[in-house]
Structures are given as structure tokens and as C-alpha cells.
Amino acid sequence: MLEKLKIIFAKQFIWLIIAIIFAFPLALIPMVLIQNFITDYNDFINRIDNQVVILYFIFVVVSFVGLLLIRFMSTLIKILFKTKAP
């Protein structure tokens, strides 16, 4: 029983590390979209007081939470399909 818990914990920890690693490049997608869709990018940067790094890290956190939600939902779907209806 303890070995099974260790395996589950190890899998979840690896998924956490992978989600952190993937969150950084995924956060670049909204940054590029902002750069392409805003007509006056320099004015936008001046309005947010040149805090692009903070905006990037906000997108990193949102990407990380999104990846965790995807993992959670996929696990729920797997559990749902493993159970058999009476």
C-alpha cells in the first residue's frame, strides 16, 4: 500500500515539474498575441509602466493553473470511464 502511494506521489510530482516547465513557453503565446493585436504597442507599454515582466509572470501562473486543471479533468474522465454503471 505504501509503495503504491509513493508511485502516485512521484507521478504527481513529475507532472507538477512538467507543468512548471511548460508554463513558461506557453505564457509567451498571449504575449505575442498582445503584441500583434494591439495597434499602438509602445503606448500600451507606457500605460502599464513598462511592467512587461509582471504581465509575463501573470501569464505563466495562468498557464500553470490551466495545465493543472487539464490534468485534473483528464484524471476525472479516466476515473469516470473506469467505473461501470450498474
Protein backbone atom coordinates (compact mmCIF):
# COMPACT_ATOMS: atom_id res chain seq x y z
CA MET A 1 0.00 0.00 0.00
CA LEU A 2 2.82 2.41 0.88
CA GLU A 3 4.62 1.59 -2.37
CA LYS A 4 1.50 2.47 -4.35
CA LEU A 5 1.26 5.82 -2.56
CA LYS A 6 4.91 6.53 -3.32
CA ILE A 7 4.34 5.80 -7.00
CA ILE A 8 1.27 8.06 -7.10
CA PHE A 9 3.15 10.84 -5.31
CA ALA A 10 6.11 10.50 -7.68
CA LYS A 11 3.84 10.69 -10.75
CA GLN A 12 2.08 13.78 -9.44
CA PHE A 13 5.39 15.44 -8.56
CA ILE A 14 6.77 14.77 -12.05
CA TRP A 15 3.58 16.21 -13.55
CA LEU A 16 3.98 19.30 -11.37
CA ILE A 17 7.55 19.82 -12.60
CA ILE A 18 6.48 19.30 -16.23
CA ALA A 19 3.62 21.79 -15.80
CA ILE A 20 6.02 24.39 -14.39
CA ILE A 21 8.42 23.87 -17.31
CA PHE A 22 5.64 24.07 -19.93
CA ALA A 23 4.03 27.12 -18.33
CA PHE A 24 6.92 29.41 -19.28
CA PRO A 25 6.81 28.86 -23.06
CA LEU A 26 3.00 28.75 -23.05
CA ALA A 27 2.94 32.19 -21.45
CA LEU A 28 4.71 33.58 -24.50
CA ILE A 29 1.64 32.90 -26.66
CA PRO A 30 -0.56 35.59 -25.03
CA MET A 31 2.41 37.96 -25.02
CA VAL A 32 2.79 37.56 -28.78
CA LEU A 33 -0.97 37.92 -29.24
CA ILE A 34 -0.94 41.16 -27.26
CA GLN A 35 1.95 42.45 -29.32
CA ASN A 36 0.21 41.58 -32.60
CA PHE A 37 -3.32 42.71 -31.78
CA ILE A 38 -2.63 45.99 -30.01
CA THR A 39 -2.31 48.73 -32.58
CA ASP A 40 -0.08 51.06 -30.56
CA TYR A 41 2.20 48.69 -28.65
CA ASN A 42 4.50 51.45 -27.35
CA ASP A 43 1.54 53.32 -25.88
CA PHE A 44 0.35 50.09 -24.24
CA ILE A 45 3.79 49.53 -22.68
CA ASN A 46 3.81 53.10 -21.37
CA ARG A 47 0.32 52.68 -19.89
CA ILE A 48 1.34 49.59 -17.95
CA ASP A 49 4.50 51.40 -16.80
CA ASN A 50 6.93 49.05 -18.56
CA GLN A 51 5.95 46.12 -16.32
CA VAL A 52 6.01 43.52 -19.05
CA VAL A 53 7.81 41.05 -16.80
CA ILE A 54 4.94 41.14 -14.30
CA LEU A 55 2.47 40.62 -17.15
CA TYR A 56 4.56 37.66 -18.35
CA PHE A 57 4.60 36.06 -14.90
CA ILE A 58 0.84 36.53 -14.62
CA PHE A 59 0.51 34.61 -17.88
CA VAL A 60 2.91 31.96 -16.51
CA VAL A 61 0.69 31.47 -13.45
CA VAL A 62 -2.44 31.32 -15.60
CA SER A 63 -0.79 28.76 -17.90
CA PHE A 64 0.36 26.69 -14.93
CA VAL A 65 -3.12 26.65 -13.38
CA GLY A 66 -4.60 25.80 -16.77
CA LEU A 67 -2.24 22.85 -17.18
CA LEU A 68 -3.12 21.60 -13.71
CA LEU A 69 -6.84 21.90 -14.48
CA ILE A 70 -6.35 19.93 -17.70
CA ARG A 71 -4.53 17.21 -15.75
CA PHE A 72 -7.27 17.17 -13.11
CA MET A 73 -10.03 16.94 -15.72
CA SER A 74 -8.26 14.17 -17.64
CA THR A 75 -7.86 12.20 -14.42
CA LEU A 76 -11.55 12.66 -13.64
CA ILE A 77 -12.51 11.45 -17.11
CA LYS A 78 -10.29 8.38 -16.74
CA ILE A 79 -11.89 7.57 -13.39
CA LEU A 80 -15.36 8.14 -14.80
CA PHE A 81 -14.81 5.73 -17.69
CA LYS A 82 -13.21 3.08 -15.48
CA THR A 83 -16.32 2.83 -13.29
CA LYS A 84 -19.04 0.60 -14.61
CA ALA A 85 -22.68 1.52 -14.45
CA PRO A 86 -24.84 -0.95 -12.50
